[in-house]
Amino acid sequence: MFIKTDRLFIRDLETIDGIIFSNMASDGSLENAIGFDIECHSWMDEWMVEARQLIDNDNPTENYLAYTVELKETHEVIGSVGCSYYKDIEKVGITYFIGAEYRNHGYATEAIKAYAQYFLQQYKQDEIIATIREDNDPSWRAIEKAGFILTEKKMYQDMGDESEQMYRFYSYKK
């Protein structure tokens, strides 16, 4: 898969990306957002193998699909975008993260919008959703700027949450 935007490339994972993702997670900022804790370097190789197998299967309702986001000009890896299947609500949701040093430049919004459009076209789906904790202001602002519409707020327990928390649910449709 390869998507080109004004400032970004979104592409398949490469082996080196796992090291870069682990370094991004070392500040602790990706644990709540995507589950990459500060110790993810110890399991990142296994995750990369699994993620690449899932990309080869190319079925967003199977588990998850993850891709690398890099700057078009310099080819620096700045994060990831993709999707994950929510078995409990039987919908596919967008997933993404941007490393701390690349935040607040609109890269997340650009990657989210490009991937959501790709997803709806590629998989002949009518919708992709987003579930974002209420306290994650930067993330839900990026989702809204990308064109996702808030559909509800409710208590929800996502994977990795110890208990229910207030979440915002969003929808992006054709």
N, C-alpha and C. Protein backbone atom coordinates (compact mmCIF):
# COMPACT_ATOMS: atom_id res chain seq x y z
N MET A 1 0.84 -1.16 0.00
CA MET A 1 0.00 0.00 0.00
C MET A 1 0.89 1.23 0.00
N PHE A 2 0.46 2.24 -0.73
CA PHE A 2 1.23 3.48 -0.78
C PHE A 2 0.27 4.64 -1.04
N ILE A 3 0.27 5.61 -0.14
CA ILE A 3 -0.55 6.81 -0.27
C ILE A 3 0.38 8.01 -0.21
N LYS A 4 0.14 8.96 -1.09
CA LYS A 4 0.91 10.19 -1.10
C LYS A 4 -0.03 11.35 -0.79
N THR A 5 0.37 12.21 0.16
CA THR A 5 -0.38 13.43 0.46
C THR A 5 0.54 14.62 0.15
N ASP A 6 0.10 15.80 0.50
CA ASP A 6 0.94 16.98 0.26
C ASP A 6 2.30 16.88 0.94
N ARG A 7 2.30 16.37 2.19
CA ARG A 7 3.55 16.35 2.96
C ARG A 7 4.00 14.98 3.40
N LEU A 8 3.19 13.96 3.16
CA LEU A 8 3.46 12.65 3.74
C LEU A 8 3.42 11.53 2.71
N PHE A 9 4.08 10.42 3.08
CA PHE A 9 3.90 9.14 2.43
C PHE A 9 3.34 8.20 3.50
N ILE A 10 2.38 7.39 3.14
CA ILE A 10 1.87 6.32 4.01
C ILE A 10 2.17 5.04 3.25
N ARG A 11 2.93 4.15 3.90
CA ARG A 11 3.45 2.98 3.20
C ARG A 11 3.44 1.76 4.10
N ASP A 12 3.70 0.60 3.49
CA ASP A 12 3.82 -0.64 4.26
C ASP A 12 4.96 -0.54 5.27
N LEU A 13 4.84 -1.32 6.33
CA LEU A 13 5.88 -1.37 7.36
C LEU A 13 7.16 -1.97 6.81
N GLU A 14 8.27 -1.44 7.28
CA GLU A 14 9.59 -2.01 7.01
C GLU A 14 10.22 -2.38 8.35
N THR A 15 11.14 -3.30 8.34
CA THR A 15 11.74 -3.81 9.58
C THR A 15 12.27 -2.69 10.47
N ILE A 16 12.95 -1.72 9.91
CA ILE A 16 13.55 -0.63 10.68
C ILE A 16 12.49 0.21 11.41
N ASP A 17 11.26 0.22 10.91
CA ASP A 17 10.21 1.02 11.53
C ASP A 17 9.96 0.62 12.98
N GLY A 18 10.11 -0.66 13.29
CA GLY A 18 9.90 -1.12 14.66
C GLY A 18 10.84 -0.47 15.64
N ILE A 19 12.08 -0.29 15.25
CA ILE A 19 13.07 0.39 16.11
C ILE A 19 12.66 1.84 16.32
N ILE A 20 12.24 2.48 15.24
CA ILE A 20 11.83 3.88 15.32
C ILE A 20 10.59 4.02 16.20
N PHE A 21 9.60 3.13 16.02
CA PHE A 21 8.39 3.17 16.86
C PHE A 21 8.75 2.97 18.33
N SER A 22 9.66 2.03 18.63
CA SER A 22 10.09 1.80 20.02
C SER A 22 10.73 3.06 20.60
N ASN A 23 11.55 3.73 19.81
CA ASN A 23 12.16 4.97 20.29
C ASN A 23 11.11 6.03 20.56
N MET A 24 10.09 6.12 19.70
CA MET A 24 9.01 7.08 19.91
C MET A 24 8.25 6.78 21.20
N ALA A 25 8.11 5.50 21.51
CA ALA A 25 7.36 5.09 22.70
C ALA A 25 8.15 5.26 23.99
N SER A 26 9.45 5.49 23.89
CA SER A 26 10.30 5.55 25.09
C SER A 26 9.95 6.70 26.01
N ASP A 27 9.21 7.71 25.51
CA ASP A 27 8.79 8.82 26.38
C ASP A 27 7.48 8.53 27.11
N GLY A 28 6.87 7.36 26.85
CA GLY A 28 5.64 6.97 27.53
C GLY A 28 4.37 7.52 26.91
N SER A 29 4.48 8.35 25.88
CA SER A 29 3.30 9.02 25.34
C SER A 29 2.44 8.14 24.43
N LEU A 30 2.91 6.96 24.07
CA LEU A 30 2.13 6.11 23.17
C LEU A 30 1.42 4.97 23.88
N GLU A 31 1.62 4.84 25.18
CA GLU A 31 1.04 3.71 25.89
C GLU A 31 -0.48 3.76 25.91
N ASN A 32 -1.05 4.87 26.33
CA ASN A 32 -2.51 4.96 26.38
C ASN A 32 -3.12 5.05 24.99
N ALA A 33 -2.43 5.71 24.08
CA ALA A 33 -2.98 5.92 22.75
C ALA A 33 -3.00 4.65 21.90
N ILE A 34 -1.92 3.89 21.94
CA ILE A 34 -1.81 2.77 21.01
C ILE A 34 -1.30 1.49 21.68
N GLY A 35 -0.92 1.56 22.94
CA GLY A 35 -0.46 0.37 23.65
C GLY A 35 1.02 0.10 23.54
N PHE A 36 1.78 1.03 22.97
CA PHE A 36 3.22 0.88 22.91
C PHE A 36 3.81 1.48 24.18
N ASP A 37 4.15 0.62 25.15
CA ASP A 37 4.70 1.10 26.41
C ASP A 37 6.21 1.34 26.29
N ILE A 38 6.80 1.83 27.36
CA ILE A 38 8.23 2.16 27.30
C ILE A 38 9.11 0.92 27.16
N GLU A 39 8.54 -0.26 27.39
CA GLU A 39 9.27 -1.52 27.25
C GLU A 39 8.96 -2.22 25.92
N CYS A 40 8.30 -1.53 25.00
CA CYS A 40 7.87 -2.20 23.76
C CYS A 40 9.05 -2.69 22.91
N HIS A 41 10.24 -2.16 23.15
CA HIS A 41 11.40 -2.67 22.40
C HIS A 41 11.59 -4.17 22.60
N SER A 42 11.13 -4.70 23.75
CA SER A 42 11.30 -6.12 24.05
C SER A 42 10.34 -7.01 23.24
N TRP A 43 9.26 -6.46 22.75
CA TRP A 43 8.31 -7.26 21.96
C TRP A 43 8.01 -6.69 20.57
N MET A 44 8.66 -5.61 20.21
CA MET A 44 8.37 -4.94 18.94
C MET A 44 8.67 -5.83 17.73
N ASP A 45 9.74 -6.62 17.77
CA ASP A 45 10.05 -7.48 16.63
C ASP A 45 8.90 -8.45 16.34
N GLU A 46 8.34 -9.04 17.40
CA GLU A 46 7.20 -9.95 17.23
C GLU A 46 5.99 -9.21 16.69
N TRP A 47 5.75 -8.00 17.20
CA TRP A 47 4.62 -7.20 16.72
C TRP A 47 4.79 -6.89 15.23
N MET A 48 6.00 -6.55 14.82
CA MET A 48 6.25 -6.22 13.42
C MET A 48 5.98 -7.42 12.51
N VAL A 49 6.39 -8.61 12.94
CA VAL A 49 6.13 -9.82 12.15
C VAL A 49 4.63 -10.03 12.01
N GLU A 50 3.92 -9.94 13.13
CA GLU A 50 2.46 -10.10 13.10
C GLU A 50 1.80 -9.04 12.23
N ALA A 51 2.21 -7.79 12.39
CA ALA A 51 1.60 -6.69 11.63
C ALA A 51 1.83 -6.88 10.13
N ARG A 52 3.00 -7.32 9.76
CA ARG A 52 3.28 -7.53 8.33
C ARG A 52 2.48 -8.71 7.77
N GLN A 53 2.26 -9.74 8.58
CA GLN A 53 1.41 -10.86 8.15
C GLN A 53 -0.03 -10.40 7.95
N LEU A 54 -0.51 -9.56 8.85
CA LEU A 54 -1.88 -9.05 8.73
C LEU A 54 -2.03 -8.16 7.50
N ILE A 55 -1.00 -7.39 7.18
CA ILE A 55 -1.02 -6.58 5.96
C ILE A 55 -1.09 -7.49 4.73
N ASP A 56 -0.35 -8.59 4.75
CA ASP A 56 -0.39 -9.53 3.64
C ASP A 56 -1.79 -10.14 3.48
N ASN A 57 -2.46 -10.40 4.59
CA ASN A 57 -3.82 -10.95 4.55
C ASN A 57 -4.82 -9.90 4.07
N ASP A 58 -4.55 -8.62 4.35
CA ASP A 58 -5.34 -7.49 3.87
C ASP A 58 -6.84 -7.60 4.16
N ASN A 59 -7.15 -7.94 5.41
CA ASN A 59 -8.55 -8.05 5.83
C ASN A 59 -8.77 -7.20 7.08
N PRO A 60 -9.32 -6.00 6.92
CA PRO A 60 -9.46 -5.12 8.09
C PRO A 60 -10.43 -5.63 9.15
N THR A 61 -11.27 -6.59 8.82
CA THR A 61 -12.19 -7.13 9.83
C THR A 61 -11.59 -8.34 10.56
N GLU A 62 -10.34 -8.67 10.25
CA GLU A 62 -9.67 -9.79 10.90
C GLU A 62 -9.04 -9.38 12.24
N ASN A 63 -8.34 -8.25 12.24
CA ASN A 63 -7.63 -7.83 13.43
C ASN A 63 -7.26 -6.36 13.28
N TYR A 64 -6.05 -6.09 12.81
CA TYR A 64 -5.64 -4.70 12.57
C TYR A 64 -4.72 -4.64 11.36
N LEU A 65 -4.62 -3.45 10.80
CA LEU A 65 -3.68 -3.16 9.73
C LEU A 65 -2.94 -1.90 10.14
N ALA A 66 -1.62 -1.94 10.08
CA ALA A 66 -0.80 -0.79 10.49
C ALA A 66 0.17 -0.44 9.36
N TYR A 67 0.31 0.84 9.13
CA TYR A 67 1.19 1.35 8.09
C TYR A 67 2.06 2.46 8.66
N THR A 68 3.13 2.75 7.99
CA THR A 68 4.09 3.76 8.42
C THR A 68 3.78 5.10 7.77
N VAL A 69 3.89 6.16 8.58
CA VAL A 69 3.75 7.53 8.08
C VAL A 69 5.14 8.15 8.08
N GLU A 70 5.54 8.68 6.93
CA GLU A 70 6.84 9.34 6.86
C GLU A 70 6.70 10.68 6.16
N LEU A 71 7.63 11.57 6.46
CA LEU A 71 7.65 12.87 5.80
C LEU A 71 8.09 12.68 4.36
N LYS A 72 7.36 13.29 3.45
CA LYS A 72 7.66 13.16 2.02
C LYS A 72 9.04 13.73 1.69
N GLU A 73 9.35 14.87 2.25
CA GLU A 73 10.58 15.58 1.90
C GLU A 73 11.85 14.88 2.39
N THR A 74 11.81 14.36 3.63
CA THR A 74 13.02 13.79 4.24
C THR A 74 12.98 12.28 4.43
N HIS A 75 11.82 11.67 4.27
CA HIS A 75 11.60 10.24 4.50
C HIS A 75 11.77 9.85 5.98
N GLU A 76 11.70 10.81 6.88
CA GLU A 76 11.73 10.50 8.31
C GLU A 76 10.43 9.82 8.69
N VAL A 77 10.52 8.72 9.45
CA VAL A 77 9.34 8.05 9.97
C VAL A 77 8.83 8.86 11.15
N ILE A 78 7.55 9.26 11.09
CA ILE A 78 6.99 10.11 12.14
C ILE A 78 5.83 9.46 12.88
N GLY A 79 5.37 8.29 12.43
CA GLY A 79 4.26 7.65 13.11
C GLY A 79 3.65 6.53 12.31
N SER A 80 2.40 6.25 12.63
CA SER A 80 1.69 5.14 12.00
C SER A 80 0.21 5.49 11.86
N VAL A 81 -0.43 4.89 10.89
CA VAL A 81 -1.87 5.00 10.71
C VAL A 81 -2.35 3.66 10.17
N GLY A 82 -3.58 3.34 10.47
CA GLY A 82 -4.16 2.08 10.00
C GLY A 82 -5.54 1.90 10.60
N CYS A 83 -5.90 0.65 10.83
CA CYS A 83 -7.23 0.39 11.38
C CYS A 83 -7.20 -0.86 12.24
N SER A 84 -8.25 -0.99 13.04
CA SER A 84 -8.39 -2.13 13.92
C SER A 84 -9.87 -2.51 13.98
N TYR A 85 -10.12 -3.80 14.07
CA TYR A 85 -11.51 -4.27 14.12
C TYR A 85 -11.97 -4.34 15.58
N TYR A 86 -13.09 -3.70 15.86
CA TYR A 86 -13.70 -3.72 17.19
C TYR A 86 -14.74 -4.83 17.20
N LYS A 87 -14.38 -5.96 17.76
CA LYS A 87 -15.30 -7.11 17.79
C LYS A 87 -16.56 -6.79 18.59
N ASP A 88 -16.40 -6.03 19.66
CA ASP A 88 -17.54 -5.75 20.53
C ASP A 88 -18.61 -4.89 19.86
N ILE A 89 -18.22 -4.02 18.93
CA ILE A 89 -19.20 -3.19 18.24
C ILE A 89 -19.27 -3.50 16.74
N GLU A 90 -18.49 -4.49 16.32
CA GLU A 90 -18.49 -5.00 14.95
C GLU A 90 -18.29 -3.89 13.91
N LYS A 91 -17.29 -3.04 14.17
CA LYS A 91 -16.93 -1.98 13.23
C LYS A 91 -15.42 -1.85 13.16
N VAL A 92 -14.95 -1.27 12.06
CA VAL A 92 -13.52 -1.01 11.88
C VAL A 92 -13.26 0.43 12.29
N GLY A 93 -12.24 0.60 13.12
CA GLY A 93 -11.87 1.93 13.59
C GLY A 93 -10.47 2.30 13.17
N ILE A 94 -10.26 3.58 12.96
CA ILE A 94 -8.94 4.08 12.57
C ILE A 94 -8.01 4.07 13.79
N THR A 95 -6.75 3.78 13.55
CA THR A 95 -5.71 3.85 14.58
C THR A 95 -4.58 4.71 14.05
N TYR A 96 -3.91 5.41 14.94
CA TYR A 96 -2.82 6.28 14.50
C TYR A 96 -2.02 6.76 15.69
N PHE A 97 -0.80 7.14 15.41
CA PHE A 97 0.01 7.88 16.37
C PHE A 97 1.07 8.65 15.61
N ILE A 98 1.48 9.74 16.20
CA ILE A 98 2.57 10.57 15.68
C ILE A 98 3.56 10.74 16.83
N GLY A 99 4.83 10.57 16.56
CA GLY A 99 5.86 10.75 17.58
C GLY A 99 5.84 12.16 18.15
N ALA A 100 6.21 12.29 19.41
CA ALA A 100 6.10 13.57 20.14
C ALA A 100 6.76 14.74 19.41
N GLU A 101 7.91 14.52 18.83
CA GLU A 101 8.62 15.65 18.20
C GLU A 101 7.96 16.12 16.90
N TYR A 102 6.99 15.35 16.40
CA TYR A 102 6.32 15.72 15.14
C TYR A 102 4.87 16.17 15.35
N ARG A 103 4.45 16.24 16.59
CA ARG A 103 3.07 16.65 16.87
C ARG A 103 2.88 18.15 16.70
N ASN A 104 1.63 18.54 16.57
CA ASN A 104 1.23 19.96 16.45
C ASN A 104 1.66 20.59 15.13
N HIS A 105 1.77 19.77 14.09
CA HIS A 105 2.08 20.28 12.75
C HIS A 105 1.02 19.87 11.74
N GLY A 106 -0.07 19.24 12.21
CA GLY A 106 -1.14 18.80 11.31
C GLY A 106 -0.87 17.48 10.62
N TYR A 107 0.21 16.79 10.97
CA TYR A 107 0.53 15.53 10.31
C TYR A 107 -0.50 14.44 10.62
N ALA A 108 -0.96 14.38 11.87
CA ALA A 108 -1.96 13.37 12.23
C ALA A 108 -3.22 13.57 11.41
N THR A 109 -3.70 14.79 11.34
CA THR A 109 -4.92 15.07 10.57
C THR A 109 -4.74 14.68 9.11
N GLU A 110 -3.60 15.02 8.54
CA GLU A 110 -3.32 14.71 7.13
C GLU A 110 -3.30 13.20 6.90
N ALA A 111 -2.65 12.46 7.79
CA ALA A 111 -2.57 11.00 7.66
C ALA A 111 -3.94 10.36 7.89
N ILE A 112 -4.67 10.83 8.88
CA ILE A 112 -6.00 10.29 9.18
C ILE A 112 -6.93 10.44 7.98
N LYS A 113 -6.99 11.64 7.44
CA LYS A 113 -7.89 11.91 6.32
C LYS A 113 -7.51 11.05 5.11
N ALA A 114 -6.23 10.99 4.79
CA ALA A 114 -5.79 10.20 3.64
C ALA A 114 -6.11 8.72 3.82
N TYR A 115 -5.84 8.21 5.03
CA TYR A 115 -6.10 6.78 5.24
C TYR A 115 -7.60 6.49 5.24
N ALA A 116 -8.41 7.33 5.84
CA ALA A 116 -9.85 7.11 5.88
C ALA A 116 -10.42 7.07 4.47
N GLN A 117 -9.98 7.98 3.61
CA GLN A 117 -10.45 7.98 2.22
C GLN A 117 -10.00 6.71 1.50
N TYR A 118 -8.75 6.34 1.69
CA TYR A 118 -8.22 5.10 1.10
C TYR A 118 -9.04 3.90 1.57
N PHE A 119 -9.27 3.83 2.88
CA PHE A 119 -9.99 2.70 3.47
C PHE A 119 -11.37 2.54 2.84
N LEU A 120 -12.13 3.62 2.76
CA LEU A 120 -13.49 3.54 2.23
C LEU A 120 -13.50 3.10 0.76
N GLN A 121 -12.50 3.52 0.03
CA GLN A 121 -12.42 3.14 -1.38
C GLN A 121 -11.89 1.71 -1.54
N GLN A 122 -10.83 1.39 -0.85
CA GLN A 122 -10.16 0.10 -0.99
C GLN A 122 -11.02 -1.07 -0.54
N TYR A 123 -11.74 -0.91 0.55
CA TYR A 123 -12.47 -2.02 1.14
C TYR A 123 -13.97 -1.95 0.90
N LYS A 124 -14.41 -1.02 0.08
CA LYS A 124 -15.82 -0.89 -0.25
C LYS A 124 -16.68 -0.84 1.01
N GLN A 125 -16.18 -0.14 1.99
CA GLN A 125 -16.89 0.06 3.25
C GLN A 125 -17.63 1.40 3.21
N ASP A 126 -18.69 1.50 3.97
CA ASP A 126 -19.47 2.74 4.05
C ASP A 126 -18.98 3.66 5.16
N GLU A 127 -18.21 3.09 6.12
CA GLU A 127 -17.85 3.86 7.31
C GLU A 127 -16.57 3.33 7.93
N ILE A 128 -15.82 4.24 8.54
CA ILE A 128 -14.74 3.89 9.46
C ILE A 128 -14.98 4.76 10.69
N ILE A 129 -14.77 4.20 11.86
CA ILE A 129 -15.06 4.93 13.09
C ILE A 129 -13.77 5.32 13.80
N ALA A 130 -13.92 6.08 14.86
CA ALA A 130 -12.82 6.39 15.77
C ALA A 130 -13.39 6.38 17.18
N THR A 131 -12.65 5.80 18.09
CA THR A 131 -12.99 5.85 19.51
C THR A 131 -11.82 6.51 20.22
N ILE A 132 -12.11 7.61 20.90
CA ILE A 132 -11.04 8.40 21.52
C ILE A 132 -11.45 8.79 22.93
N ARG A 133 -10.55 8.55 23.86
CA ARG A 133 -10.85 8.94 25.24
C ARG A 133 -11.11 10.45 25.32
N GLU A 134 -12.07 10.80 26.11
CA GLU A 134 -12.47 12.20 26.28
C GLU A 134 -11.29 13.09 26.67
N ASP A 135 -10.37 12.56 27.47
CA ASP A 135 -9.25 13.37 27.96
C ASP A 135 -8.11 13.50 26.94
N ASN A 136 -8.24 12.89 25.77
CA ASN A 136 -7.20 12.97 24.74
C ASN A 136 -7.55 14.06 23.73
N ASP A 137 -7.54 15.30 24.20
CA ASP A 137 -7.93 16.45 23.37
C ASP A 137 -7.20 16.52 22.03
N PRO A 138 -5.88 16.39 21.99
CA PRO A 138 -5.20 16.50 20.69
C PRO A 138 -5.69 15.46 19.67
N SER A 139 -5.97 14.26 20.15
CA SER A 139 -6.39 13.21 19.23
C SER A 139 -7.78 13.47 18.68
N TRP A 140 -8.72 13.82 19.55
CA TRP A 140 -10.07 14.06 19.00
C TRP A 140 -10.14 15.34 18.19
N ARG A 141 -9.28 16.30 18.46
CA ARG A 141 -9.24 17.49 17.60
C ARG A 141 -8.72 17.14 16.20
N ALA A 142 -7.70 16.27 16.14
CA ALA A 142 -7.17 15.83 14.85
C ALA A 142 -8.22 15.07 14.05
N ILE A 143 -8.96 14.21 14.73
CA ILE A 143 -10.03 13.44 14.08
C ILE A 143 -11.09 14.37 13.51
N GLU A 144 -11.48 15.37 14.30
CA GLU A 144 -12.50 16.30 13.84
C GLU A 144 -12.01 17.12 12.65
N LYS A 145 -10.76 17.55 12.69
CA LYS A 145 -10.20 18.31 11.56
C LYS A 145 -10.12 17.45 10.30
N ALA A 146 -9.99 16.14 10.46
CA ALA A 146 -9.93 15.23 9.32
C ALA A 146 -11.31 14.93 8.73
N GLY A 147 -12.36 15.42 9.38
CA GLY A 147 -13.70 15.24 8.83
C GLY A 147 -14.54 14.18 9.51
N PHE A 148 -14.07 13.59 10.58
CA PHE A 148 -14.88 12.64 11.33
C PHE A 148 -15.94 13.41 12.12
N ILE A 149 -17.12 12.82 12.24
CA ILE A 149 -18.25 13.44 12.92
C ILE A 149 -18.49 12.75 14.26
N LEU A 150 -18.61 13.54 15.31
CA LEU A 150 -18.92 13.00 16.64
C LEU A 150 -20.33 12.42 16.63
N THR A 151 -20.45 11.15 17.00
CA THR A 151 -21.77 10.51 17.02
C THR A 151 -22.29 10.30 18.43
N GLU A 152 -21.40 10.11 19.40
CA GLU A 152 -21.85 9.98 20.79
C GLU A 152 -20.66 10.02 21.74
N LYS A 153 -20.99 10.28 22.99
CA LYS A 153 -20.04 10.18 24.09
C LYS A 153 -20.64 9.18 25.07
N LYS A 154 -19.81 8.24 25.51
CA LYS A 154 -20.32 7.26 26.46
C LYS A 154 -19.17 6.59 27.19
N MET A 155 -19.50 5.94 28.28
CA MET A 155 -18.52 5.16 29.01
C MET A 155 -18.22 3.90 28.19
N TYR A 156 -16.93 3.58 28.09
CA TYR A 156 -16.50 2.47 27.26
C TYR A 156 -15.18 1.95 27.81
N GLN A 157 -14.97 0.66 27.69
CA GLN A 157 -13.71 0.06 28.10
C GLN A 157 -13.02 -0.51 26.87
N ASP A 158 -12.03 0.21 26.39
CA ASP A 158 -11.27 -0.23 25.22
C ASP A 158 -10.20 -1.21 25.68
N MET A 159 -9.61 -1.92 24.71
CA MET A 159 -8.51 -2.82 25.04
C MET A 159 -7.43 -2.03 25.75
N GLY A 160 -6.91 -2.57 26.80
CA GLY A 160 -5.85 -1.90 27.55
C GLY A 160 -6.36 -1.02 28.68
N ASP A 161 -7.64 -0.68 28.66
CA ASP A 161 -8.21 0.12 29.76
C ASP A 161 -8.49 -0.79 30.94
N GLU A 162 -8.15 -0.33 32.14
CA GLU A 162 -8.44 -1.11 33.33
C GLU A 162 -9.90 -1.04 33.72
N SER A 163 -10.56 0.04 33.34
CA SER A 163 -11.97 0.21 33.64
C SER A 163 -12.60 1.09 32.57
N GLU A 164 -13.92 1.23 32.65
CA GLU A 164 -14.60 2.10 31.70
C GLU A 164 -14.17 3.54 31.89
N GLN A 165 -14.09 4.24 30.77
CA GLN A 165 -13.76 5.66 30.78
C GLN A 165 -14.67 6.35 29.78
N MET A 166 -14.73 7.66 29.86
CA MET A 166 -15.55 8.41 28.91
C MET A 166 -14.83 8.46 27.57
N TYR A 167 -15.54 8.04 26.53
CA TYR A 167 -15.01 8.02 25.18
C TYR A 167 -15.90 8.84 24.26
N ARG A 168 -15.27 9.34 23.22
CA ARG A 168 -15.96 9.99 22.11
C ARG A 168 -15.95 9.00 20.95
N PHE A 169 -17.09 8.83 20.33
CA PHE A 169 -17.21 7.95 19.17
C PHE A 169 -17.46 8.82 17.95
N TYR A 170 -16.69 8.55 16.90
CA TYR A 170 -16.75 9.32 15.67
C TYR A 170 -17.03 8.40 14.48
N SER A 171 -17.54 9.01 13.42
CA SER A 171 -17.80 8.28 12.19
C SER A 171 -17.31 9.10 11.00
N TYR A 172 -16.75 8.40 10.04
CA TYR A 172 -16.34 9.00 8.77
C TYR A 172 -16.97 8.16 7.68
N LYS A 173 -17.82 8.79 6.88
CA LYS A 173 -18.54 8.08 5.83
C LYS A 173 -18.25 8.68 4.48
N LYS A 174 -18.56 7.91 3.45
CA LYS A 174 -18.39 8.37 2.07
C LYS A 174 -19.21 9.62 1.82
